[in-house]
Amino acid sequence: MLRYDFEDSLGYWVFSVAHLMTRAMNDELGKLGITYRQWEVLCWLSYMGEITQSELADQMRIEAPTLVGVIDRMERDGWIVRETDPSDRRKKIIRATEKVEPMWEQMVDCAKSVRAKALRDVPPEDVQKVKSTLTVIRGNLLSELPGHNIPAEPVGQKQASETR
């Protein structure tokens, strides 16, 4: 019989919680007609502005063919436009459409609602410790990747720490 003590595995807990957070986000965002993966695309566009399809796949840490299906559905539903890069016709630039603007705050509220549910009864200092620990773990793992271009700090973390 195969044996492994999953409950002692940090990876098990991280993946389990990530799965549940994604599921909760899909439930909340589904009310607005969007999936968590599509929300993630919009978040990166909000953070970086327009971005090429390949850069977006890198940032989301998914394979380009997986992203194509997400982008196709978002373009069909009017959330984004995909245009040829004038400086390199092989590249496609992704931009959010005007459809996103009136819905954006509702989407953000969905994320805040899931966050509040997840962090209920968790002291703020524990949340900060988890973030700090995961930042170190993320940096350790990223340093092992050849040519990684993803910041070790989570998106928005650097700006927040600079304003303190």
C-alpha atoms as a PDB file:
ATOM      1  CA  MET A   1       0.000   0.000   0.000  1.00  0.00           C
ATOM      2  CA  LEU A   2       1.208   3.505  -0.844  1.00  0.00           C
ATOM      3  CA  ARG A   3       1.710   5.755   2.161  1.00  0.00           C
ATOM      4  CA  TYR A   4       2.298   9.461   2.534  1.00  0.00           C
ATOM      5  CA  ASP A   5       1.332  11.727   5.411  1.00  0.00           C
ATOM      6  CA  PHE A   6      -0.413  14.478   3.460  1.00  0.00           C
ATOM      7  CA  GLU A   7      -1.489  16.353   6.567  1.00  0.00           C
ATOM      8  CA  ASP A   8       2.171  17.032   7.419  1.00  0.00           C
ATOM      9  CA  SER A   9       2.861  18.294   3.901  1.00  0.00           C
ATOM     10  CA  LEU A  10       2.955  22.070   3.479  1.00  0.00           C
ATOM     11  CA  GLY A  11       2.287  21.572  -0.219  1.00  0.00           C
ATOM     12  CA  TYR A  12      -0.904  19.640   0.556  1.00  0.00           C
ATOM     13  CA  TRP A  13      -2.199  22.516   2.718  1.00  0.00           C
ATOM     14  CA  VAL A  14      -1.216  25.225   0.229  1.00  0.00           C
ATOM     15  CA  PHE A  15      -2.802  23.389  -2.720  1.00  0.00           C
ATOM     16  CA  SER A  16      -5.899  22.471  -0.717  1.00  0.00           C
ATOM     17  CA  VAL A  17      -6.507  26.056   0.395  1.00  0.00           C
ATOM     18  CA  ALA A  18      -5.724  27.404  -3.089  1.00  0.00           C
ATOM     19  CA  HIS A  19      -8.279  24.996  -4.578  1.00  0.00           C
ATOM     20  CA  LEU A  20     -10.929  26.063  -2.069  1.00  0.00           C
ATOM     21  CA  MET A  21     -10.176  29.772  -2.643  1.00  0.00           C
ATOM     22  CA  THR A  22     -10.462  29.278  -6.414  1.00  0.00           C
ATOM     23  CA  ARG A  23     -13.737  27.428  -5.972  1.00  0.00           C
ATOM     24  CA  ALA A  24     -15.120  30.185  -3.719  1.00  0.00           C
ATOM     25  CA  MET A  25     -14.007  32.845  -6.225  1.00  0.00           C
ATOM     26  CA  ASN A  26     -15.676  30.946  -9.076  1.00  0.00           C
ATOM     27  CA  ASP A  27     -18.901  30.796  -7.049  1.00  0.00           C
ATOM     28  CA  GLU A  28     -18.833  34.542  -6.325  1.00  0.00           C
ATOM     29  CA  LEU A  29     -17.646  35.714  -9.740  1.00  0.00           C
ATOM     30  CA  GLY A  30     -20.016  33.338 -11.518  1.00  0.00           C
ATOM     31  CA  LYS A  31     -22.858  35.623 -10.433  1.00  0.00           C
ATOM     32  CA  LEU A  32     -21.271  38.278 -12.659  1.00  0.00           C
ATOM     33  CA  GLY A  33     -20.744  35.927 -15.598  1.00  0.00           C
ATOM     34  CA  ILE A  34     -16.985  35.537 -15.208  1.00  0.00           C
ATOM     35  CA  THR A  35     -14.663  32.800 -13.948  1.00  0.00           C
ATOM     36  CA  TYR A  36     -11.739  33.061 -11.559  1.00  0.00           C
ATOM     37  CA  ARG A  37      -9.270  32.474 -14.418  1.00  0.00           C
ATOM     38  CA  GLN A  38     -10.884  35.295 -16.411  1.00  0.00           C
ATOM     39  CA  TRP A  39     -10.759  37.522 -13.315  1.00  0.00           C
ATOM     40  CA  GLU A  40      -7.058  36.710 -13.053  1.00  0.00           C
ATOM     41  CA  VAL A  41      -6.552  37.928 -16.644  1.00  0.00           C
ATOM     42  CA  LEU A  42      -8.352  41.176 -15.808  1.00  0.00           C
ATOM     43  CA  CYS A  43      -6.280  41.586 -12.640  1.00  0.00           C
ATOM     44  CA  TRP A  44      -3.038  41.326 -14.605  1.00  0.00           C
ATOM     45  CA  LEU A  45      -4.388  43.816 -17.159  1.00  0.00           C
ATOM     46  CA  SER A  46      -5.351  46.137 -14.310  1.00  0.00           C
ATOM     47  CA  TYR A  47      -1.861  45.822 -12.841  1.00  0.00           C
ATOM     48  CA  MET A  48       0.225  45.960 -16.017  1.00  0.00           C
ATOM     49  CA  GLY A  49      -1.999  47.681 -18.572  1.00  0.00           C
ATOM     50  CA  GLU A  50      -1.895  46.120 -21.992  1.00  0.00           C
ATOM     51  CA  ILE A  51       0.244  43.018 -22.207  1.00  0.00           C
ATOM     52  CA  THR A  52       1.149  40.475 -24.833  1.00  0.00           C
ATOM     53  CA  GLN A  53      -0.496  37.099 -24.727  1.00  0.00           C
ATOM     54  CA  SER A  54       2.819  35.337 -24.072  1.00  0.00           C
ATOM     55  CA  GLU A  55       3.747  37.739 -21.244  1.00  0.00           C
ATOM     56  CA  LEU A  56       0.323  37.180 -19.710  1.00  0.00           C
ATOM     57  CA  ALA A  57       0.777  33.401 -19.818  1.00  0.00           C
ATOM     58  CA  ASP A  58       4.165  33.813 -18.095  1.00  0.00           C
ATOM     59  CA  GLN A  59       2.695  36.036 -15.376  1.00  0.00           C
ATOM     60  CA  MET A  60      -0.207  33.645 -14.792  1.00  0.00           C
ATOM     61  CA  ARG A  61       2.207  30.703 -14.790  1.00  0.00           C
ATOM     62  CA  ILE A  62       0.122  28.716 -17.254  1.00  0.00           C
ATOM     63  CA  GLU A  63       0.877  27.279 -20.658  1.00  0.00           C
ATOM     64  CA  ALA A  64       0.085  29.531 -23.625  1.00  0.00           C
ATOM     65  CA  PRO A  65      -2.383  27.014 -25.182  1.00  0.00           C
ATOM     66  CA  THR A  66      -4.346  26.965 -21.898  1.00  0.00           C
ATOM     67  CA  LEU A  67      -4.530  30.749 -21.916  1.00  0.00           C
ATOM     68  CA  VAL A  68      -5.736  30.840 -25.537  1.00  0.00           C
ATOM     69  CA  GLY A  69      -9.012  29.160 -24.568  1.00  0.00           C
ATOM     70  CA  VAL A  70      -9.560  31.632 -21.725  1.00  0.00           C
ATOM     71  CA  ILE A  71      -8.730  34.596 -23.985  1.00  0.00           C
ATOM     72  CA  ASP A  72     -10.984  33.282 -26.774  1.00  0.00           C
ATOM     73  CA  ARG A  73     -13.978  33.110 -24.391  1.00  0.00           C
ATOM     74  CA  MET A  74     -13.211  36.535 -22.913  1.00  0.00           C
ATOM     75  CA  GLU A  75     -12.944  38.073 -26.368  1.00  0.00           C
ATOM     76  CA  ARG A  76     -16.201  36.388 -27.442  1.00  0.00           C
ATOM     77  CA  ASP A  77     -17.931  37.731 -24.303  1.00  0.00           C
ATOM     78  CA  GLY A  78     -16.578  41.257 -24.828  1.00  0.00           C
ATOM     79  CA  TRP A  79     -14.253  41.445 -21.771  1.00  0.00           C
ATOM     80  CA  ILE A  80     -11.027  41.918 -23.747  1.00  0.00           C
ATOM     81  CA  VAL A  81      -9.737  42.691 -27.220  1.00  0.00           C
ATOM     82  CA  ARG A  82      -6.751  41.028 -28.802  1.00  0.00           C
ATOM     83  CA  GLU A  83      -4.809  43.066 -31.345  1.00  0.00           C
ATOM     84  CA  THR A  84      -1.685  42.482 -33.385  1.00  0.00           C
ATOM     85  CA  ASP A  85       1.384  44.232 -31.960  1.00  0.00           C
ATOM     86  CA  PRO A  86       2.353  46.883 -34.546  1.00  0.00           C
ATOM     87  CA  SER A  87       6.066  46.336 -33.825  1.00  0.00           C
ATOM     88  CA  ASP A  88       5.899  42.521 -34.087  1.00  0.00           C
ATOM     89  CA  ARG A  89       3.011  41.000 -36.024  1.00  0.00           C
ATOM     90  CA  ARG A  90       3.609  37.613 -34.381  1.00  0.00           C
ATOM     91  CA  LYS A  91       2.570  39.009 -30.982  1.00  0.00           C
ATOM     92  CA  LYS A  92      -0.956  39.656 -29.780  1.00  0.00           C
ATOM     93  CA  ILE A  93      -1.631  42.468 -27.311  1.00  0.00           C
ATOM     94  CA  ILE A  94      -4.457  41.999 -24.826  1.00  0.00           C
ATOM     95  CA  ARG A  95      -6.509  44.954 -23.528  1.00  0.00           C
ATOM     96  CA  ALA A  96      -9.581  45.137 -21.303  1.00  0.00           C
ATOM     97  CA  THR A  97     -12.690  46.608 -22.942  1.00  0.00           C
ATOM     98  CA  GLU A  98     -15.056  49.260 -21.642  1.00  0.00           C
ATOM     99  CA  LYS A  99     -17.379  46.432 -20.549  1.00  0.00           C
ATOM    100  CA  VAL A 100     -15.068  45.746 -17.596  1.00  0.00           C
ATOM    101  CA  GLU A 101     -15.174  49.236 -16.058  1.00  0.00           C
ATOM    102  CA  PRO A 102     -18.753  49.214 -14.704  1.00  0.00           C
ATOM    103  CA  MET A 103     -18.324  45.642 -13.422  1.00  0.00           C
ATOM    104  CA  TRP A 104     -14.839  46.046 -11.932  1.00  0.00           C
ATOM    105  CA  GLU A 105     -15.882  47.183  -8.450  1.00  0.00           C
ATOM    106  CA  GLN A 106     -18.375  44.320  -8.228  1.00  0.00           C
ATOM    107  CA  MET A 107     -15.604  41.875  -9.141  1.00  0.00           C
ATOM    108  CA  VAL A 108     -13.311  43.417  -6.527  1.00  0.00           C
ATOM    109  CA  ASP A 109     -16.133  43.112  -3.988  1.00  0.00           C
ATOM    110  CA  CYS A 110     -16.387  39.386  -4.814  1.00  0.00           C
ATOM    111  CA  ALA A 111     -12.674  38.973  -4.099  1.00  0.00           C
ATOM    112  CA  LYS A 112     -12.974  40.934  -0.852  1.00  0.00           C
ATOM    113  CA  SER A 113     -15.939  38.815   0.211  1.00  0.00           C
ATOM    114  CA  VAL A 114     -14.013  35.571  -0.348  1.00  0.00           C
ATOM    115  CA  ARG A 115     -11.002  37.014   1.472  1.00  0.00           C
ATOM    116  CA  ALA A 116     -13.173  38.020   4.441  1.00  0.00           C
ATOM    117  CA  LYS A 117     -14.733  34.541   4.630  1.00  0.00           C
ATOM    118  CA  ALA A 118     -11.338  32.852   4.396  1.00  0.00           C
ATOM    119  CA  LEU A 119      -9.728  35.060   7.043  1.00  0.00           C
ATOM    120  CA  ARG A 120     -12.595  35.048   9.521  1.00  0.00           C
ATOM    121  CA  ASP A 121     -11.155  34.380  13.006  1.00  0.00           C
ATOM    122  CA  VAL A 122      -7.548  34.683  11.773  1.00  0.00           C
ATOM    123  CA  PRO A 123      -5.608  37.415  13.601  1.00  0.00           C
ATOM    124  CA  PRO A 124      -4.021  40.028  11.283  1.00  0.00           C
ATOM    125  CA  GLU A 125      -0.535  39.249  12.629  1.00  0.00           C
ATOM    126  CA  ASP A 126      -0.997  35.586  11.604  1.00  0.00           C
ATOM    127  CA  VAL A 127      -2.045  36.665   8.115  1.00  0.00           C
ATOM    128  CA  GLN A 128       1.081  38.822   7.870  1.00  0.00           C
ATOM    129  CA  LYS A 129       3.291  35.941   9.056  1.00  0.00           C
ATOM    130  CA  VAL A 130       1.782  33.578   6.455  1.00  0.00           C
ATOM    131  CA  LYS A 131       2.360  36.160   3.696  1.00  0.00           C
ATOM    132  CA  SER A 132       5.959  36.691   4.814  1.00  0.00           C
ATOM    133  CA  THR A 133       6.642  32.973   4.980  1.00  0.00           C
ATOM    134  CA  LEU A 134       5.072  32.303   1.584  1.00  0.00           C
ATOM    135  CA  THR A 135       7.100  35.166   0.081  1.00  0.00           C
ATOM    136  CA  VAL A 136      10.301  33.470   1.267  1.00  0.00           C
ATOM    137  CA  ILE A 137       9.146  30.068  -0.019  1.00  0.00           C
ATOM    138  CA  ARG A 138       8.143  31.601  -3.359  1.00  0.00           C
ATOM    139  CA  GLY A 139      11.528  33.316  -3.659  1.00  0.00           C
ATOM    140  CA  ASN A 140      13.336  30.066  -2.854  1.00  0.00           C
ATOM    141  CA  LEU A 141      11.439  28.180  -5.547  1.00  0.00           C
ATOM    142  CA  LEU A 142      11.734  30.971  -8.121  1.00  0.00           C
ATOM    143  CA  SER A 143      15.488  31.143  -7.621  1.00  0.00           C
ATOM    144  CA  GLU A 144      15.673  27.553  -8.843  1.00  0.00           C
ATOM    145  CA  LEU A 145      13.923  28.330 -12.132  1.00  0.00           C
ATOM    146  CA  PRO A 146      16.116  29.183 -15.118  1.00  0.00           C
ATOM    147  CA  GLY A 147      15.531  32.732 -16.345  1.00  0.00           C
ATOM    148  CA  HIS A 148      12.533  33.430 -14.162  1.00  0.00           C
ATOM    149  CA  ASN A 149      11.104  36.911 -14.581  1.00  0.00           C
ATOM    150  CA  ILE A 150       8.379  36.819 -11.935  1.00  0.00           C
ATOM    151  CA  PRO A 151       8.984  39.017  -8.888  1.00  0.00           C
ATOM    152  CA  ALA A 152       9.451  37.153  -5.608  1.00  0.00           C
ATOM    153  CA  GLU A 153       7.124  39.599  -3.870  1.00  0.00           C
ATOM    154  CA  PRO A 154       3.417  39.193  -4.621  1.00  0.00           C
ATOM    155  CA  VAL A 155       1.826  41.761  -6.934  1.00  0.00           C
ATOM    156  CA  GLY A 156       1.215  45.017  -5.099  1.00  0.00           C
ATOM    157  CA  GLN A 157       3.355  44.005  -2.099  1.00  0.00           C
ATOM    158  CA  LYS A 158       6.299  46.175  -3.060  1.00  0.00           C
ATOM    159  CA  GLN A 159       4.168  49.293  -3.477  1.00  0.00           C
ATOM    160  CA  ALA A 160       2.455  48.645  -0.134  1.00  0.00           C
ATOM    161  CA  SER A 161       5.766  48.181   1.696  1.00  0.00           C
ATOM    162  CA  GLU A 162       7.199  51.344   0.099  1.00  0.00           C
ATOM    163  CA  THR A 163       4.338  53.441   1.475  1.00  0.00           C
ATOM    164  CA  ARG A 164       4.816  52.313   5.089  1.00  0.00           C
END
